[in-house]
């Protein structure tokens, strides 16, 4: 498969990054039929690579992933102890 479109995003949420990774990567692992190649890695920062043959698929996947990151961050912030 040749990926005509791709994007790489790096997220640094300080001490929340690992929790966000765990939350977002779970969705990625349980959707193997995803038409967009999505790799999520954690190494002090969250690295996300998405690639697709179709730009609308890439855009939709990227929007969903970014929303999941935002919701995860907001959820963690809402339960600060």
Protein backbone atom coordinates (compact mmCIF):
# COMPACT_ATOMS: atom_id res chain seq x y z
CA UNK A 1 0.00 0.00 0.00
CA UNK A 2 1.39 3.37 -1.02
CA UNK A 3 0.47 6.15 1.37
CA UNK A 4 -0.09 9.33 -0.60
CA UNK A 5 -0.98 11.46 2.40
CA UNK A 6 0.49 11.43 5.89
CA UNK A 7 0.80 13.49 9.04
CA UNK A 8 2.91 13.24 12.17
CA UNK A 9 1.91 14.91 15.41
CA UNK A 10 3.81 15.12 18.68
CA UNK A 11 2.00 15.84 21.94
CA UNK A 12 3.68 16.74 25.22
CA UNK A 13 1.20 16.92 28.09
CA UNK A 14 3.91 16.63 30.76
CA UNK A 15 2.89 14.17 33.49
CA UNK A 16 -0.43 13.42 31.75
CA UNK A 17 1.14 12.14 28.51
CA UNK A 18 1.34 8.45 29.52
CA UNK A 19 -2.30 8.39 30.65
CA UNK A 20 -3.38 10.04 27.40
CA UNK A 21 -1.34 7.51 25.43
CA UNK A 22 -3.01 4.60 27.25
CA UNK A 23 -6.44 6.03 26.53
CA UNK A 24 -5.92 6.86 22.85
CA UNK A 25 -3.90 3.79 21.94
CA UNK A 26 -6.60 1.46 23.26
CA UNK A 27 -8.99 2.71 20.56
CA UNK A 28 -6.30 2.24 17.94
CA UNK A 29 -5.56 -1.37 18.98
CA UNK A 30 -9.20 -2.44 18.80
CA UNK A 31 -9.85 -1.14 15.27
CA UNK A 32 -7.59 -3.26 13.05
CA UNK A 33 -9.76 -2.74 9.97
CA UNK A 34 -9.09 1.01 10.05
CA UNK A 35 -8.44 2.13 6.45
CA UNK A 36 -5.93 4.68 7.75
CA UNK A 37 -2.54 3.45 8.93
CA UNK A 38 -2.24 4.81 12.46
CA UNK A 39 0.79 4.40 14.71
CA UNK A 40 0.84 5.78 18.23
CA UNK A 41 4.03 5.65 20.26
CA UNK A 42 5.03 6.87 23.69
CA UNK A 43 8.55 7.92 24.61
CA UNK A 44 8.14 10.78 27.09
CA UNK A 45 6.02 12.43 24.38
CA UNK A 46 3.13 11.07 22.37
CA UNK A 47 3.97 10.55 18.68
CA UNK A 48 1.17 9.91 16.24
CA UNK A 49 1.67 9.00 12.59
CA UNK A 50 -1.29 8.66 10.25
CA UNK A 51 -1.12 7.75 6.59
CA UNK A 52 -3.70 7.02 3.93
CA UNK A 53 -4.27 6.80 0.22
CA UNK A 54 -7.30 9.07 0.62
CA UNK A 55 -7.14 12.56 2.08
CA UNK A 56 -10.71 12.55 3.52
CA UNK A 57 -9.94 9.33 5.44
CA UNK A 58 -6.73 10.84 6.80
CA UNK A 59 -8.51 14.03 7.85
CA UNK A 60 -11.32 12.14 9.59
CA UNK A 61 -8.89 9.87 11.45
CA UNK A 62 -6.70 12.77 12.48
CA UNK A 63 -9.69 14.77 13.73
CA UNK A 64 -10.94 11.80 15.75
CA UNK A 65 -7.51 11.13 17.25
CA UNK A 66 -7.00 14.77 18.20
CA UNK A 67 -10.46 14.91 19.78
CA UNK A 68 -9.69 11.77 21.80
CA UNK A 69 -6.46 13.37 23.02
CA UNK A 70 -8.32 16.55 24.02
CA UNK A 71 -11.07 14.60 25.82
CA UNK A 72 -8.51 12.46 27.64
CA UNK A 73 -6.62 15.55 28.76
CA UNK A 74 -9.81 17.32 29.86
CA UNK A 75 -10.98 14.24 31.79
CA UNK A 76 -7.68 14.02 33.65
CA UNK A 77 -7.85 17.74 34.45
CA UNK A 78 -11.41 17.46 35.74
CA UNK A 79 -10.46 14.97 38.45
CA UNK A 80 -7.38 16.74 39.80
CA UNK A 81 -6.81 15.77 43.38
